[in-house]
Amino acid sequence: MAKLIYIWNGKLTGLIGAFLILIKTAYMKTKDILTTVIVKRNLSNTGKNVKIHSGIVYRYPNNIVLKNNVNIARNVTLSSENLYGNLLIEDDVVININSKIDFSGGIKIGKNTLISKNTIIETHDHGLDPHSSPIFKSLDIGENVWIGMNSIILSSVRKIGSNSIIAAGSVVTKEVPENCIFAGVPAKIIKKNVKKIYL
């Protein structure tokens, strides 16, 4: 009964609303299961216990590798501007809703990393001419990194060190050292020597 409080106000008049929530939840879970099965079969390689939710958009599936226990939430975009970019996502990584990851220059995301909702990660740019050919740059995200919601990681960033936090709403334009907290627009170190982050 305690769990019913999430979907029902306890009144007879609320039963229809609760029933509709149950129907929608069952529908979305079914869509997520089907999405996981279909997308896993199309990617280059996937490990155990991978979950891929509905609404995912991806390009060059043969260049995407997901290790064990990866969880990709709804409406995530994994794309590349060319057929040479690779995306490697290590064990226990979570990518939250509406995040957009451009792996044109190649990205490795280390174990136990959390990418919060609405994050944008770019690995290409066009310099000062939006009509020019793209310039591709690789990105290495270390282990145990937490990227806060609404953050933007620009293509000038080549490395985000392990055990670091990118604060929500940050625009990262340069390399992030290990064991620190980065925040702001443009982001900079606000705390060094963070000993251990548990996600």
C-alpha atoms as a PDB file:
ATOM      1  CA  MET A   1       0.000   0.000   0.000  1.00  0.00           C
ATOM      2  CA  ALA A   2       2.861   2.384   0.791  1.00  0.00           C
ATOM      3  CA  LYS A   3       4.060   2.325  -2.832  1.00  0.00           C
ATOM      4  CA  LEU A   4       0.601   3.284  -4.125  1.00  0.00           C
ATOM      5  CA  ILE A   5       1.090   6.788  -2.736  1.00  0.00           C
ATOM      6  CA  TYR A   6       3.396   7.454  -5.699  1.00  0.00           C
ATOM      7  CA  ILE A   7       0.545   7.112  -8.156  1.00  0.00           C
ATOM      8  CA  TRP A   8      -2.726   7.323  -6.172  1.00  0.00           C
ATOM      9  CA  ASN A   9      -4.182   9.879  -3.760  1.00  0.00           C
ATOM     10  CA  GLY A  10      -6.155   7.195  -1.898  1.00  0.00           C
ATOM     11  CA  LYS A  11      -9.542   8.486  -3.035  1.00  0.00           C
ATOM     12  CA  LEU A  12     -11.988   6.668  -5.279  1.00  0.00           C
ATOM     13  CA  THR A  13     -11.948   9.606  -7.714  1.00  0.00           C
ATOM     14  CA  GLY A  14      -8.191   9.170  -8.180  1.00  0.00           C
ATOM     15  CA  LEU A  15      -8.377   5.546  -9.386  1.00  0.00           C
ATOM     16  CA  ILE A  16      -8.641   6.477 -13.073  1.00  0.00           C
ATOM     17  CA  GLY A  17      -5.538   8.678 -12.859  1.00  0.00           C
ATOM     18  CA  ALA A  18      -3.614   5.927 -11.036  1.00  0.00           C
ATOM     19  CA  PHE A  19      -4.703   3.370 -13.629  1.00  0.00           C
ATOM     20  CA  LEU A  20      -3.488   5.613 -16.477  1.00  0.00           C
ATOM     21  CA  ILE A  21      -0.111   6.023 -14.774  1.00  0.00           C
ATOM     22  CA  LEU A  22       0.171   2.231 -14.443  1.00  0.00           C
ATOM     23  CA  ILE A  23      -0.659   1.741 -18.122  1.00  0.00           C
ATOM     24  CA  LYS A  24       1.887   4.352 -19.197  1.00  0.00           C
ATOM     25  CA  THR A  25       4.585   2.889 -16.927  1.00  0.00           C
ATOM     26  CA  ALA A  26       4.036  -0.619 -18.296  1.00  0.00           C
ATOM     27  CA  TYR A  27       4.123   0.734 -21.862  1.00  0.00           C
ATOM     28  CA  MET A  28       7.380   2.649 -21.291  1.00  0.00           C
ATOM     29  CA  LYS A  29       9.056  -0.348 -19.622  1.00  0.00           C
ATOM     30  CA  THR A  30       8.088  -2.552 -22.552  1.00  0.00           C
ATOM     31  CA  LYS A  31       9.477   0.038 -24.998  1.00  0.00           C
ATOM     32  CA  ASP A  32      12.741   0.197 -23.013  1.00  0.00           C
ATOM     33  CA  ILE A  33      13.155  -3.584 -23.034  1.00  0.00           C
ATOM     34  CA  LEU A  34      12.554  -3.753 -26.781  1.00  0.00           C
ATOM     35  CA  THR A  35      14.912  -0.814 -27.402  1.00  0.00           C
ATOM     36  CA  THR A  36      17.660  -2.531 -25.405  1.00  0.00           C
ATOM     37  CA  VAL A  37      17.293  -5.790 -27.348  1.00  0.00           C
ATOM     38  CA  ILE A  38      17.205  -4.104 -30.756  1.00  0.00           C
ATOM     39  CA  VAL A  39      19.989  -1.555 -30.213  1.00  0.00           C
ATOM     40  CA  LYS A  40      22.369  -4.039 -28.549  1.00  0.00           C
ATOM     41  CA  ARG A  41      22.181  -6.231 -31.645  1.00  0.00           C
ATOM     42  CA  ASN A  42      23.153  -3.270 -33.844  1.00  0.00           C
ATOM     43  CA  LEU A  43      26.129  -1.948 -31.847  1.00  0.00           C
ATOM     44  CA  SER A  44      29.701  -3.137 -32.287  1.00  0.00           C
ATOM     45  CA  ASN A  45      29.921  -4.807 -28.900  1.00  0.00           C
ATOM     46  CA  THR A  46      27.933  -4.755 -25.637  1.00  0.00           C
ATOM     47  CA  GLY A  47      28.590  -6.296 -22.244  1.00  0.00           C
ATOM     48  CA  LYS A  48      26.256  -7.740 -19.618  1.00  0.00           C
ATOM     49  CA  ASN A  49      23.343  -5.923 -17.980  1.00  0.00           C
ATOM     50  CA  VAL A  50      23.304  -3.062 -20.491  1.00  0.00           C
ATOM     51  CA  LYS A  51      20.094  -0.974 -20.459  1.00  0.00           C
ATOM     52  CA  ILE A  52      19.211   1.329 -23.330  1.00  0.00           C
ATOM     53  CA  HIS A  53      15.990   3.295 -22.946  1.00  0.00           C
ATOM     54  CA  SER A  54      13.634   4.409 -25.684  1.00  0.00           C
ATOM     55  CA  GLY A  55      14.231   7.567 -27.677  1.00  0.00           C
ATOM     56  CA  ILE A  56      17.941   6.919 -28.235  1.00  0.00           C
ATOM     57  CA  VAL A  57      19.424   8.371 -31.415  1.00  0.00           C
ATOM     58  CA  TYR A  58      22.748   6.957 -32.591  1.00  0.00           C
ATOM     59  CA  ARG A  59      25.004   7.035 -35.649  1.00  0.00           C
ATOM     60  CA  TYR A  60      27.767   4.672 -36.808  1.00  0.00           C
ATOM     61  CA  PRO A  61      26.715   1.797 -34.516  1.00  0.00           C
ATOM     62  CA  ASN A  62      29.742  -0.252 -35.530  1.00  0.00           C
ATOM     63  CA  ASN A  63      31.936   2.337 -33.760  1.00  0.00           C
ATOM     64  CA  ILE A  64      30.119   2.142 -30.391  1.00  0.00           C
ATOM     65  CA  VAL A  65      31.224  -0.255 -27.634  1.00  0.00           C
ATOM     66  CA  LEU A  66      29.358  -0.554 -24.321  1.00  0.00           C
ATOM     67  CA  LYS A  67      30.902  -2.576 -21.494  1.00  0.00           C
ATOM     68  CA  ASN A  68      29.048  -4.114 -18.510  1.00  0.00           C
ATOM     69  CA  ASN A  69      26.235  -2.428 -16.553  1.00  0.00           C
ATOM     70  CA  VAL A  70      25.973   0.621 -18.825  1.00  0.00           C
ATOM     71  CA  ASN A  71      22.679   2.487 -18.477  1.00  0.00           C
ATOM     72  CA  ILE A  72      21.650   4.926 -21.204  1.00  0.00           C
ATOM     73  CA  ALA A  73      18.494   6.874 -20.307  1.00  0.00           C
ATOM     74  CA  ARG A  74      15.738   8.162 -22.576  1.00  0.00           C
ATOM     75  CA  ASN A  75      16.347  10.548 -25.458  1.00  0.00           C
ATOM     76  CA  VAL A  76      20.143  10.318 -25.428  1.00  0.00           C
ATOM     77  CA  THR A  77      21.987  11.095 -28.678  1.00  0.00           C
ATOM     78  CA  LEU A  78      25.275   9.351 -29.572  1.00  0.00           C
ATOM     79  CA  SER A  79      26.502  10.719 -32.888  1.00  0.00           C
ATOM     80  CA  SER A  80      29.536  11.362 -35.052  1.00  0.00           C
ATOM     81  CA  GLU A  81      30.234  13.719 -37.949  1.00  0.00           C
ATOM     82  CA  ASN A  82      32.390  11.064 -39.619  1.00  0.00           C
ATOM     83  CA  LEU A  83      32.795   7.306 -39.858  1.00  0.00           C
ATOM     84  CA  TYR A  84      36.139   7.260 -38.003  1.00  0.00           C
ATOM     85  CA  GLY A  85      35.059   8.424 -34.541  1.00  0.00           C
ATOM     86  CA  ASN A  86      34.799   5.734 -31.857  1.00  0.00           C
ATOM     87  CA  LEU A  87      32.894   5.654 -28.583  1.00  0.00           C
ATOM     88  CA  LEU A  88      34.029   3.339 -25.776  1.00  0.00           C
ATOM     89  CA  ILE A  89      31.895   3.340 -22.612  1.00  0.00           C
ATOM     90  CA  GLU A  90      33.437   1.340 -19.761  1.00  0.00           C
ATOM     91  CA  ASP A  91      31.686  -0.566 -16.927  1.00  0.00           C
ATOM     92  CA  ASP A  92      29.025   0.982 -14.687  1.00  0.00           C
ATOM     93  CA  VAL A  93      28.568   4.224 -16.649  1.00  0.00           C
ATOM     94  CA  VAL A  94      25.233   6.064 -16.497  1.00  0.00           C
ATOM     95  CA  ILE A  95      24.209   8.593 -19.144  1.00  0.00           C
ATOM     96  CA  ASN A  96      21.068  10.468 -18.133  1.00  0.00           C
ATOM     97  CA  ILE A  97      18.125  11.797 -20.155  1.00  0.00           C
ATOM     98  CA  ASN A  98      18.475  14.235 -23.047  1.00  0.00           C
ATOM     99  CA  SER A  99      22.280  14.142 -23.071  1.00  0.00           C
ATOM    100  CA  LYS A 100      24.056  14.588 -26.408  1.00  0.00           C
ATOM    101  CA  ILE A 101      27.464  13.032 -27.014  1.00  0.00           C
ATOM    102  CA  ASP A 102      29.405  13.757 -30.200  1.00  0.00           C
ATOM    103  CA  PHE A 103      32.163  11.166 -30.625  1.00  0.00           C
ATOM    104  CA  SER A 104      33.498  12.447 -33.961  1.00  0.00           C
ATOM    105  CA  GLY A 105      37.021  12.808 -32.537  1.00  0.00           C
ATOM    106  CA  GLY A 106      36.767   9.653 -30.414  1.00  0.00           C
ATOM    107  CA  ILE A 107      35.707   9.368 -26.766  1.00  0.00           C
ATOM    108  CA  LYS A 108      36.561   6.969 -23.969  1.00  0.00           C
ATOM    109  CA  ILE A 109      34.347   7.193 -20.865  1.00  0.00           C
ATOM    110  CA  GLY A 110      35.909   5.539 -17.804  1.00  0.00           C
ATOM    111  CA  LYS A 111      34.323   3.201 -15.288  1.00  0.00           C
ATOM    112  CA  ASN A 112      31.732   4.390 -12.787  1.00  0.00           C
ATOM    113  CA  THR A 113      31.189   7.736 -14.501  1.00  0.00           C
ATOM    114  CA  LEU A 114      27.864   9.562 -14.205  1.00  0.00           C
ATOM    115  CA  ILE A 115      26.765  11.962 -16.933  1.00  0.00           C
ATOM    116  CA  SER A 116      23.767  13.926 -15.667  1.00  0.00           C
ATOM    117  CA  LYS A 117      20.764  15.042 -17.713  1.00  0.00           C
ATOM    118  CA  ASN A 118      21.010  17.571 -20.551  1.00  0.00           C
ATOM    119  CA  THR A 119      24.794  17.315 -20.794  1.00  0.00           C
ATOM    120  CA  ILE A 120      26.413  18.164 -24.141  1.00  0.00           C
ATOM    121  CA  ILE A 121      29.823  16.757 -25.065  1.00  0.00           C
ATOM    122  CA  GLU A 122      31.494  17.854 -28.321  1.00  0.00           C
ATOM    123  CA  THR A 123      34.640  16.475 -29.953  1.00  0.00           C
ATOM    124  CA  HIS A 124      34.640  18.607 -33.086  1.00  0.00           C
ATOM    125  CA  ASP A 125      34.431  22.269 -33.984  1.00  0.00           C
ATOM    126  CA  HIS A 126      34.677  24.561 -37.006  1.00  0.00           C
ATOM    127  CA  GLY A 127      37.082  27.189 -35.707  1.00  0.00           C
ATOM    128  CA  LEU A 128      35.825  30.679 -36.593  1.00  0.00           C
ATOM    129  CA  ASP A 129      34.073  29.640 -39.800  1.00  0.00           C
ATOM    130  CA  PRO A 130      30.824  27.685 -39.323  1.00  0.00           C
ATOM    131  CA  HIS A 131      31.002  26.581 -42.984  1.00  0.00           C
ATOM    132  CA  SER A 132      34.510  25.120 -42.734  1.00  0.00           C
ATOM    133  CA  SER A 133      35.366  21.437 -42.537  1.00  0.00           C
ATOM    134  CA  PRO A 134      35.125  20.124 -38.962  1.00  0.00           C
ATOM    135  CA  ILE A 135      38.227  19.698 -36.818  1.00  0.00           C
ATOM    136  CA  PHE A 136      38.132  16.483 -34.774  1.00  0.00           C
ATOM    137  CA  LYS A 137      39.677  16.118 -31.304  1.00  0.00           C
ATOM    138  CA  SER A 138      39.678  13.111 -28.975  1.00  0.00           C
ATOM    139  CA  LEU A 139      38.423  13.134 -25.381  1.00  0.00           C
ATOM    140  CA  ASP A 140      39.387  10.846 -22.494  1.00  0.00           C
ATOM    141  CA  ILE A 141      37.015  10.932 -19.508  1.00  0.00           C
ATOM    142  CA  GLY A 142      38.585   9.196 -16.506  1.00  0.00           C
ATOM    143  CA  GLU A 143      37.030   6.856 -13.980  1.00  0.00           C
ATOM    144  CA  ASN A 144      34.589   7.872 -11.262  1.00  0.00           C
ATOM    145  CA  VAL A 145      33.789  11.238 -12.879  1.00  0.00           C
ATOM    146  CA  TRP A 146      30.539  13.077 -12.222  1.00  0.00           C
ATOM    147  CA  ILE A 147      29.382  15.558 -14.865  1.00  0.00           C
ATOM    148  CA  GLY A 148      26.546  17.688 -13.495  1.00  0.00           C
ATOM    149  CA  MET A 149      23.318  18.474 -15.355  1.00  0.00           C
ATOM    150  CA  ASN A 150      23.253  21.052 -18.146  1.00  0.00           C
ATOM    151  CA  SER A 151      27.036  21.011 -18.465  1.00  0.00           C
ATOM    152  CA  ILE A 152      28.771  21.577 -21.792  1.00  0.00           C
ATOM    153  CA  ILE A 153      32.138  19.986 -22.577  1.00  0.00           C
ATOM    154  CA  LEU A 154      33.700  21.704 -25.599  1.00  0.00           C
ATOM    155  CA  SER A 155      36.047  20.105 -28.128  1.00  0.00           C
ATOM    156  CA  SER A 156      39.040  22.006 -26.699  1.00  0.00           C
ATOM    157  CA  VAL A 157      38.920  19.598 -23.723  1.00  0.00           C
ATOM    158  CA  ARG A 158      41.125  16.565 -24.292  1.00  0.00           C
ATOM    159  CA  LYS A 159      40.968  15.020 -20.815  1.00  0.00           C
ATOM    160  CA  ILE A 160      38.781  14.958 -17.721  1.00  0.00           C
ATOM    161  CA  GLY A 161      40.744  13.419 -14.868  1.00  0.00           C
ATOM    162  CA  SER A 162      39.500  10.586 -12.668  1.00  0.00           C
ATOM    163  CA  ASN A 163      37.574  11.349  -9.466  1.00  0.00           C
ATOM    164  CA  SER A 164      36.598  14.835 -10.646  1.00  0.00           C
ATOM    165  CA  ILE A 165      33.260  16.634 -10.533  1.00  0.00           C
ATOM    166  CA  ILE A 166      31.970  19.062 -13.155  1.00  0.00           C
ATOM    167  CA  ALA A 167      29.388  21.246 -11.404  1.00  0.00           C
ATOM    168  CA  ALA A 168      25.910  21.665 -12.897  1.00  0.00           C
ATOM    169  CA  GLY A 169      25.661  24.288 -15.633  1.00  0.00           C
ATOM    170  CA  SER A 170      29.399  24.494 -16.257  1.00  0.00           C
ATOM    171  CA  VAL A 171      30.998  25.195 -19.630  1.00  0.00           C
ATOM    172  CA  VAL A 172      34.295  23.312 -19.730  1.00  0.00           C
ATOM    173  CA  THR A 173      36.869  24.704 -22.157  1.00  0.00           C
ATOM    174  CA  LYS A 174      40.120  23.165 -20.895  1.00  0.00           C
ATOM    175  CA  GLU A 175      41.566  19.996 -19.377  1.00  0.00           C
ATOM    176  CA  VAL A 176      40.197  18.966 -15.990  1.00  0.00           C
ATOM    177  CA  PRO A 177      42.807  17.548 -13.565  1.00  0.00           C
ATOM    178  CA  GLU A 178      42.171  14.512 -11.389  1.00  0.00           C
ATOM    179  CA  ASN A 179      40.569  14.793  -7.946  1.00  0.00           C
ATOM    180  CA  CYS A 180      39.077  18.270  -8.301  1.00  0.00           C
ATOM    181  CA  ILE A 181      35.804  20.147  -8.632  1.00  0.00           C
ATOM    182  CA  PHE A 182      35.402  22.287 -11.766  1.00  0.00           C
ATOM    183  CA  ALA A 183      32.632  24.907 -11.976  1.00  0.00           C
ATOM    184  CA  GLY A 184      31.548  28.048 -13.790  1.00  0.00           C
ATOM    185  CA  VAL A 185      31.385  29.653 -17.224  1.00  0.00           C
ATOM    186  CA  PRO A 186      34.063  29.103 -18.327  1.00  0.00           C
ATOM    187  CA  ALA A 187      34.708  26.407 -15.735  1.00  0.00           C
ATOM    188  CA  LYS A 188      37.738  26.510 -13.451  1.00  0.00           C
ATOM    189  CA  ILE A 189      38.990  24.656 -10.381  1.00  0.00           C
ATOM    190  CA  ILE A 190      37.092  25.570  -7.227  1.00  0.00           C
ATOM    191  CA  LYS A 191      38.409  22.718  -5.081  1.00  0.00           C
ATOM    192  CA  LYS A 192      41.531  20.562  -5.368  1.00  0.00           C
ATOM    193  CA  ASN A 193      42.534  17.224  -3.914  1.00  0.00           C
ATOM    194  CA  VAL A 194      39.095  15.696  -3.623  1.00  0.00           C
ATOM    195  CA  LYS A 195      40.039  12.388  -1.992  1.00  0.00           C
ATOM    196  CA  LYS A 196      37.270  10.070  -3.121  1.00  0.00           C
ATOM    197  CA  ILE A 197      33.921  10.489  -4.785  1.00  0.00           C
ATOM    198  CA  TYR A 198      31.285   7.808  -4.328  1.00  0.00           C
ATOM    199  CA  LEU A 199      28.675   7.735  -7.074  1.00  0.00           C
END
